[in-house]
PDB file of N, CA and C in Angstrom:
ATOM      1  N   MET A   1     101.811 140.707  94.063  1.00  0.00           N
ATOM      2  CA  MET A   1     102.077 140.024  95.210  1.00  0.00           C
ATOM      3  C   MET A   1     102.610 140.970  95.720  1.00  0.00           C
ATOM      4  N   GLU A   2     102.170 141.351  97.082  1.00  0.00           N
ATOM      5  CA  GLU A   2     102.149 142.808  98.065  1.00  0.00           C
ATOM      6  C   GLU A   2     102.697 142.228  99.003  1.00  0.00           C
ATOM      7  N   VAL A   3     103.535 143.264  99.639  1.00  0.00           N
ATOM      8  CA  VAL A   3     104.329 143.041 100.851  1.00  0.00           C
ATOM      9  C   VAL A   3     104.037 144.231 101.457  1.00  0.00           C
ATOM     10  N   GLU A   4     103.803 144.478 102.915  1.00  0.00           N
ATOM     11  CA  GLU A   4     103.554 145.344 103.345  1.00  0.00           C
ATOM     12  C   GLU A   4     104.444 145.617 104.651  1.00  0.00           C
ATOM     13  N   VAL A   5     105.005 146.407 105.185  1.00  0.00           N
ATOM     14  CA  VAL A   5     105.966 146.338 106.267  1.00  0.00           C
ATOM     15  C   VAL A   5     105.312 147.963 107.413  1.00  0.00           C
ATOM     16  N   CYS A   6     104.935 147.240 108.528  1.00  0.00           N
ATOM     17  CA  CYS A   6     104.524 148.417 109.108  1.00  0.00           C
ATOM     18  C   CYS A   6     105.987 149.326 109.779  1.00  0.00           C
ATOM     19  N   VAL A   7     105.799 150.744 109.140  1.00  0.00           N
ATOM     20  CA  VAL A   7     106.453 151.682 109.575  1.00  0.00           C
ATOM     21  C   VAL A   7     105.903 152.850 110.698  1.00  0.00           C
ATOM     22  N   GLY A   8     104.963 152.560 111.184  1.00  0.00           N
ATOM     23  CA  GLY A   8     104.278 152.929 112.657  1.00  0.00           C
ATOM     24  C   GLY A   8     105.679 153.366 113.795  1.00  0.00           C
ATOM     25  N   SER A   9     105.660 153.784 114.624  1.00  0.00           N
ATOM     26  CA  SER A   9     106.442 154.381 115.596  1.00  0.00           C
ATOM     27  C   SER A   9     107.003 153.558 115.951  1.00  0.00           C
ATOM     28  N   SER A  10     106.110 152.209 116.869  1.00  0.00           N
ATOM     29  CA  SER A  10     107.165 151.355 117.486  1.00  0.00           C
ATOM     30  C   SER A  10     107.831 150.443 116.814  1.00  0.00           C
ATOM     31  N   CYS A  11     107.099 150.097 115.400  1.00  0.00           N
ATOM     32  CA  CYS A  11     107.899 149.365 114.798  1.00  0.00           C
ATOM     33  C   CYS A  11     108.966 149.932 113.877  1.00  0.00           C
ATOM     34  N   PHE A  12     109.476 151.308 113.866  1.00  0.00           N
ATOM     35  CA  PHE A  12     110.093 152.028 113.189  1.00  0.00           C
ATOM     36  C   PHE A  12     111.193 151.867 114.404  1.00  0.00           C
ATOM     37  N   LEU A  13     110.910 152.098 115.560  1.00  0.00           N
ATOM     38  CA  LEU A  13     111.641 152.229 116.602  1.00  0.00           C
ATOM     39  C   LEU A  13     112.663 150.440 116.639  1.00  0.00           C
ATOM     40  N   ARG A  14     111.575 149.774 116.468  1.00  0.00           N
ATOM     41  CA  ARG A  14     112.524 148.735 116.407  1.00  0.00           C
ATOM     42  C   ARG A  14     113.264 147.718 115.180  1.00  0.00           C
ATOM     43  N   GLY A  15     113.312 148.825 114.302  1.00  0.00           N
ATOM     44  CA  GLY A  15     113.967 148.619 113.061  1.00  0.00           C
ATOM     45  C   GLY A  15     113.210 148.375 111.492  1.00  0.00           C
ATOM     46  N   SER A  16     111.880 149.191 111.502  1.00  0.00           N
ATOM     47  CA  SER A  16     111.219 148.736 110.400  1.00  0.00           C
ATOM     48  C   SER A  16     112.270 149.362 109.056  1.00  0.00           C
ATOM     49  N   GLU A  17     112.817 150.152 109.405  1.00  0.00           N
ATOM     50  CA  GLU A  17     113.459 150.486 107.983  1.00  0.00           C
ATOM     51  C   GLU A  17     114.447 149.775 107.558  1.00  0.00           C
ATOM     52  N   GLY A  18     115.298 148.935 108.457  1.00  0.00           N
ATOM     53  CA  GLY A  18     116.234 147.953 107.819  1.00  0.00           C
ATOM     54  C   GLY A  18     115.264 146.413 107.404  1.00  0.00           C
ATOM     55  N   VAL A  19     114.182 146.657 107.728  1.00  0.00           N
ATOM     56  CA  VAL A  19     113.211 145.388 107.221  1.00  0.00           C
ATOM     57  C   VAL A  19     112.908 145.606 105.941  1.00  0.00           C
ATOM     58  N   VAL A  20     112.263 147.246 105.549  1.00  0.00           N
ATOM     59  CA  VAL A  20     111.929 147.526 103.967  1.00  0.00           C
ATOM     60  C   VAL A  20     113.045 147.477 103.273  1.00  0.00           C
ATOM     61  N   LYS A  21     114.510 147.946 103.701  1.00  0.00           N
ATOM     62  CA  LYS A  21     115.550 147.712 102.863  1.00  0.00           C
ATOM     63  C   LYS A  21     115.865 146.669 102.233  1.00  0.00           C
ATOM     64  N   ALA A  22     115.474 145.730 103.460  1.00  0.00           N
ATOM     65  CA  ALA A  22     115.829 143.947 102.861  1.00  0.00           C
ATOM     66  C   ALA A  22     115.086 143.625 101.952  1.00  0.00           C
ATOM     67  N   PHE A  23     113.854 144.094 102.049  1.00  0.00           N
ATOM     68  CA  PHE A  23     112.771 143.333 100.963  1.00  0.00           C
ATOM     69  C   PHE A  23     113.055 144.088  99.890  1.00  0.00           C
ATOM     70  N   GLN A  24     113.154 145.655  99.953  1.00  0.00           N
ATOM     71  CA  GLN A  24     113.633 146.333  98.422  1.00  0.00           C
ATOM     72  C   GLN A  24     114.400 145.756  97.830  1.00  0.00           C
ATOM     73  N   ASP A  25     115.551 145.101  98.517  1.00  0.00           N
ATOM     74  CA  ASP A  25     116.906 144.785  97.963  1.00  0.00           C
ATOM     75  C   ASP A  25     116.680 143.416  97.248  1.00  0.00           C
ATOM     76  N   LEU A  26     116.018 142.542  97.792  1.00  0.00           N
ATOM     77  CA  LEU A  26     115.270 141.283  97.185  1.00  0.00           C
ATOM     78  C   LEU A  26     114.378 141.241  96.054  1.00  0.00           C
ATOM     79  N   ILE A  27     113.563 142.042  96.329  1.00  0.00           N
ATOM     80  CA  ILE A  27     112.628 142.555  95.144  1.00  0.00           C
ATOM     81  C   ILE A  27     113.172 142.663  93.742  1.00  0.00           C
ATOM     82  N   GLU A  28     113.927 143.956  93.897  1.00  0.00           N
ATOM     83  CA  GLU A  28     114.587 144.578  92.933  1.00  0.00           C
ATOM     84  C   GLU A  28     115.732 143.399  92.483  1.00  0.00           C
ATOM     85  N   GLU A  29     116.493 142.606  92.828  1.00  0.00           N
ATOM     86  CA  GLU A  29     117.114 141.524  92.627  1.00  0.00           C
ATOM     87  C   GLU A  29     116.852 140.509  91.672  1.00  0.00           C
ATOM     88  N   LYS A  30     115.641 139.652  92.379  1.00  0.00           N
ATOM     89  CA  LYS A  30     115.061 138.191  92.197  1.00  0.00           C
ATOM     90  C   LYS A  30     113.453 138.711  91.381  1.00  0.00           C
ATOM     91  N   CYS A  31     112.877 139.898  91.689  1.00  0.00           N
ATOM     92  CA  CYS A  31     111.827 139.851  90.789  1.00  0.00           C
ATOM     93  C   CYS A  31     111.001 141.323  90.319  1.00  0.00           C
ATOM     94  N   PRO A  32     111.669 142.258  89.911  1.00  0.00           N
ATOM     95  CA  PRO A  32     111.566 143.634  89.399  1.00  0.00           C
ATOM     96  C   PRO A  32     110.603 143.585  88.816  1.00  0.00           C
ATOM     97  N   GLY A  33     109.298 144.630  89.632  1.00  0.00           N
ATOM     98  CA  GLY A  33     108.210 144.590  88.871  1.00  0.00           C
ATOM     99  C   GLY A  33     107.080 143.524  89.306  1.00  0.00           C
ATOM    100  N   GLN A  34     107.512 142.466  89.914  1.00  0.00           N
ATOM    101  CA  GLN A  34     106.505 141.455  89.811  1.00  0.00           C
ATOM    102  C   GLN A  34     106.111 141.553  91.693  1.00  0.00           C
ATOM    103  N   ALA A  35     106.284 142.332  92.650  1.00  0.00           N
ATOM    104  CA  ALA A  35     105.660 142.552  93.879  1.00  0.00           C
ATOM    105  C   ALA A  35     106.136 143.874  94.568  1.00  0.00           C
ATOM    106  N   VAL A  36     104.939 144.505  94.945  1.00  0.00           N
ATOM    107  CA  VAL A  36     104.743 145.901  95.446  1.00  0.00           C
ATOM    108  C   VAL A  36     105.290 145.850  96.748  1.00  0.00           C
ATOM    109  N   LEU A  37     106.045 146.693  97.184  1.00  0.00           N
ATOM    110  CA  LEU A  37     106.461 146.653  98.743  1.00  0.00           C
ATOM    111  C   LEU A  37     105.862 147.952  98.852  1.00  0.00           C
ATOM    112  N   ARG A  38     104.973 148.293  99.913  1.00  0.00           N
ATOM    113  CA  ARG A  38     104.198 149.387 100.807  1.00  0.00           C
ATOM    114  C   ARG A  38     104.907 149.503 102.227  1.00  0.00           C
ATOM    115  N   GLY A  39     104.826 150.706 102.634  1.00  0.00           N
ATOM    116  CA  GLY A  39     104.903 151.000 104.356  1.00  0.00           C
ATOM    117  C   GLY A  39     103.466 151.324 104.521  1.00  0.00           C
ATOM    118  N   SER A  40     103.059 150.655 105.974  1.00  0.00           N
ATOM    119  CA  SER A  40     102.161 150.549 106.312  1.00  0.00           C
ATOM    120  C   SER A  40     101.606 151.128 107.843  1.00  0.00           C
ATOM    121  N   PHE A  41     101.038 151.697 108.298  1.00  0.00           N
ATOM    122  CA  PHE A  41     100.922 152.243 109.931  1.00  0.00           C
ATOM    123  C   PHE A  41     100.351 151.287 110.554  1.00  0.00           C
ATOM    124  N   CYS A  42     100.498 151.145 111.791  1.00  0.00           N
ATOM    125  CA  CYS A  42     100.095 150.540 112.592  1.00  0.00           C
ATOM    126  C   CYS A  42      99.258 149.436 112.412  1.00  0.00           C
ATOM    127  N   MET A  43      99.747 148.029 112.748  1.00  0.00           N
ATOM    128  CA  MET A  43      98.787 146.616 112.109  1.00  0.00           C
ATOM    129  C   MET A  43      98.662 146.055 113.420  1.00  0.00           C
ATOM    130  N   GLY A  44      98.417 147.063 114.753  1.00  0.00           N
ATOM    131  CA  GLY A  44      97.925 146.240 116.146  1.00  0.00           C
ATOM    132  C   GLY A  44      99.062 145.224 116.709  1.00  0.00           C
ATOM    133  N   GLN A  45     100.160 145.324 116.193  1.00  0.00           N
ATOM    134  CA  GLN A  45     100.828 144.321 117.142  1.00  0.00           C
ATOM    135  C   GLN A  45     102.233 144.910 117.679  1.00  0.00           C
ATOM    136  N   CYS A  46     101.801 145.829 118.381  1.00  0.00           N
ATOM    137  CA  CYS A  46     103.133 146.981 118.563  1.00  0.00           C
ATOM    138  C   CYS A  46     104.288 146.326 119.673  1.00  0.00           C
ATOM    139  N   ALA A  47     103.803 145.359 120.226  1.00  0.00           N
ATOM    140  CA  ALA A  47     104.432 144.711 121.226  1.00  0.00           C
ATOM    141  C   ALA A  47     105.519 143.752 120.551  1.00  0.00           C
ATOM    142  N   THR A  48     105.198 143.528 119.460  1.00  0.00           N
ATOM    143  CA  THR A  48     105.970 142.098 118.610  1.00  0.00           C
ATOM    144  C   THR A  48     106.374 142.712 117.416  1.00  0.00           C
ATOM    145  N   GLY A  49     106.400 143.872 117.272  1.00  0.00           N
ATOM    146  CA  GLY A  49     107.232 144.443 116.046  1.00  0.00           C
ATOM    147  C   GLY A  49     108.528 144.038 115.721  1.00  0.00           C
ATOM    148  N   VAL A  50     108.858 144.234 114.439  1.00  0.00           N
ATOM    149  CA  VAL A  50     108.309 144.412 113.474  1.00  0.00           C
ATOM    150  C   VAL A  50     107.117 143.802 112.639  1.00  0.00           C
ATOM    151  N   THR A  51     106.277 144.237 112.168  1.00  0.00           N
ATOM    152  CA  THR A  51     105.031 143.544 111.615  1.00  0.00           C
ATOM    153  C   THR A  51     105.093 143.640 109.839  1.00  0.00           C
ATOM    154  N   VAL A  52     104.905 142.742 109.704  1.00  0.00           N
ATOM    155  CA  VAL A  52     104.848 142.186 107.991  1.00  0.00           C
ATOM    156  C   VAL A  52     103.970 141.371 107.400  1.00  0.00           C
ATOM    157  N   LYS A  53     103.094 142.054 106.540  1.00  0.00           N
ATOM    158  CA  LYS A  53     101.872 141.370 105.578  1.00  0.00           C
ATOM    159  C   LYS A  53     102.528 141.189 104.334  1.00  0.00           C
ATOM    160  N   ILE A  54     102.376 139.681 103.963  1.00  0.00           N
ATOM    161  CA  ILE A  54     102.563 139.238 102.794  1.00  0.00           C
ATOM    162  C   ILE A  54     101.515 138.643 102.350  1.00  0.00           C
ATOM    163  N   GLN A  55     100.580 138.958 100.961  1.00  0.00           N
ATOM    164  CA  GLN A  55      99.564 138.570 100.644  1.00  0.00           C
ATOM    165  C   GLN A  55      98.606 138.622 101.948  1.00  0.00           C
ATOM    166  N   GLY A  56      98.407 139.605 102.892  1.00  0.00           N
ATOM    167  CA  GLY A  56      97.335 139.222 103.860  1.00  0.00           C
ATOM    168  C   GLY A  56      97.878 138.372 105.165  1.00  0.00           C
ATOM    169  N   GLN A  57      99.085 137.793 105.175  1.00  0.00           N
ATOM    170  CA  GLN A  57      99.693 136.965 105.937  1.00  0.00           C
ATOM    171  C   GLN A  57     100.301 137.423 106.922  1.00  0.00           C
ATOM    172  N   GLN A  58     100.154 137.560 108.387  1.00  0.00           N
ATOM    173  CA  GLN A  58     101.063 138.394 108.969  1.00  0.00           C
ATOM    174  C   GLN A  58     101.820 137.761 109.693  1.00  0.00           C
ATOM    175  N   PHE A  59     103.283 138.473 109.768  1.00  0.00           N
ATOM    176  CA  PHE A  59     104.673 137.830 110.689  1.00  0.00           C
ATOM    177  C   PHE A  59     104.618 139.231 111.475  1.00  0.00           C
ATOM    178  N   SER A  60     105.160 138.634 112.844  1.00  0.00           N
ATOM    179  CA  SER A  60     105.683 139.927 113.804  1.00  0.00           C
ATOM    180  C   SER A  60     107.142 139.270 114.263  1.00  0.00           C
ATOM    181  N   SER A  61     107.677 140.277 114.771  1.00  0.00           N
ATOM    182  CA  SER A  61     108.934 140.212 115.280  1.00  0.00           C
ATOM    183  C   SER A  61     109.959 139.699 114.318  1.00  0.00           C
ATOM    184  N   VAL A  62     109.433 140.719 113.146  1.00  0.00           N
ATOM    185  CA  VAL A  62     110.655 140.272 111.856  1.00  0.00           C
ATOM    186  C   VAL A  62     111.717 141.224 111.871  1.00  0.00           C
ATOM    187  N   THR A  63     112.932 140.954 111.683  1.00  0.00           N
ATOM    188  CA  THR A  63     114.329 141.538 111.695  1.00  0.00           C
ATOM    189  C   THR A  63     114.867 141.339 110.410  1.00  0.00           C
ATOM    190  N   PRO A  64     115.774 142.312 109.817  1.00  0.00           N
ATOM    191  CA  PRO A  64     116.266 142.254 108.483  1.00  0.00           C
ATOM    192  C   PRO A  64     116.995 140.783 108.132  1.00  0.00           C
ATOM    193  N   GLN A  65     117.683 140.457 109.235  1.00  0.00           N
ATOM    194  CA  GLN A  65     117.818 138.837 109.229  1.00  0.00           C
ATOM    195  C   GLN A  65     117.179 137.727 108.602  1.00  0.00           C
ATOM    196  N   ASP A  66     115.702 138.060 109.016  1.00  0.00           N
ATOM    197  CA  ASP A  66     114.563 137.189 108.826  1.00  0.00           C
ATOM    198  C   ASP A  66     113.947 137.368 107.495  1.00  0.00           C
ATOM    199  N   VAL A  67     114.138 138.367 106.581  1.00  0.00           N
ATOM    200  CA  VAL A  67     113.416 138.878 105.550  1.00  0.00           C
ATOM    201  C   VAL A  67     113.862 137.687 104.279  1.00  0.00           C
ATOM    202  N   PRO A  68     115.104 137.307 104.351  1.00  0.00           N
ATOM    203  CA  PRO A  68     115.443 136.117 102.918  1.00  0.00           C
ATOM    204  C   PRO A  68     114.610 135.109 103.092  1.00  0.00           C
ATOM    205  N   ALA A  69     114.562 134.118 104.572  1.00  0.00           N
ATOM    206  CA  ALA A  69     114.126 133.154 104.488  1.00  0.00           C
ATOM    207  C   ALA A  69     112.085 133.448 104.264  1.00  0.00           C
ATOM    208  N   LEU A  70     111.633 134.948 104.594  1.00  0.00           N
ATOM    209  CA  LEU A  70     110.273 135.066 104.298  1.00  0.00           C
ATOM    210  C   LEU A  70     109.893 135.248 102.859  1.00  0.00           C
ATOM    211  N   PHE A  71     111.081 136.049 102.153  1.00  0.00           N
ATOM    212  CA  PHE A  71     111.118 136.118 100.875  1.00  0.00           C
ATOM    213  C   PHE A  71     110.998 134.580  99.797  1.00  0.00           C
ATOM    214  N   GLU A  72     112.196 133.886 100.556  1.00  0.00           N
ATOM    215  CA  GLU A  72     112.022 132.680  99.635  1.00  0.00           C
ATOM    216  C   GLU A  72     110.566 131.624 100.098  1.00  0.00           C
ATOM    217  N   LYS A  73     110.015 131.937 101.131  1.00  0.00           N
ATOM    218  CA  LYS A  73     109.075 130.694 101.272  1.00  0.00           C
ATOM    219  C   LYS A  73     107.626 131.033 100.986  1.00  0.00           C
ATOM    220  N   TYR A  74     107.685 132.522 101.024  1.00  0.00           N
ATOM    221  CA  TYR A  74     106.274 133.334 101.115  1.00  0.00           C
ATOM    222  C   TYR A  74     106.116 134.043  99.533  1.00  0.00           C
ATOM    223  N   ILE A  75     107.086 134.401  98.973  1.00  0.00           N
ATOM    224  CA  ILE A  75     107.235 135.379  97.873  1.00  0.00           C
ATOM    225  C   ILE A  75     107.441 134.816  96.269  1.00  0.00           C
ATOM    226  N   LEU A  76     108.565 134.460  96.294  1.00  0.00           N
ATOM    227  CA  LEU A  76     109.285 133.730  95.158  1.00  0.00           C
ATOM    228  C   LEU A  76     108.383 132.187  94.590  1.00  0.00           C
ATOM    229  N   PRO A  77     107.869 131.598  95.680  1.00  0.00           N
ATOM    230  CA  PRO A  77     106.995 130.447  94.557  1.00  0.00           C
ATOM    231  C   PRO A  77     105.829 131.270  94.236  1.00  0.00           C
ATOM    232  N   HIS A  78     105.418 132.264  94.529  1.00  0.00           N
ATOM    233  CA  HIS A  78     104.065 132.881  94.136  1.00  0.00           C
ATOM    234  C   HIS A  78     103.855 133.802  92.977  1.00  0.00           C
ATOM    235  N   ILE A  79     105.432 134.066  92.311  1.00  0.00           N
ATOM    236  CA  ILE A  79     105.652 134.785  91.206  1.00  0.00           C
ATOM    237  C   ILE A  79     106.417 134.072  90.357  1.00  0.00           C
ATOM    238  N   ARG A  80     106.959 132.938  90.422  1.00  0.00           N
ATOM    239  CA  ARG A  80     107.828 132.040  89.035  1.00  0.00           C
ATOM    240  C   ARG A  80     106.339 131.713  88.390  1.00  0.00           C
TER     241      ARG A  80
END
């Protein structure tokens, strides 16, 4: 399972650091070693960042508050 968070300049200014931290905390708590979290440069959605890809599916305007729902819906079912 691969999770990519854009850390390009626009997404960084929109809070990608908090999104990375939220995913990192959940992965470490609920599925250590079963999901890979990667930073990615521009995904072409600068106007609607922070952009996240989970197994190739792209999500825009992601905030740290959105991460638990994305994790529960798109990550946990695929690693259990």
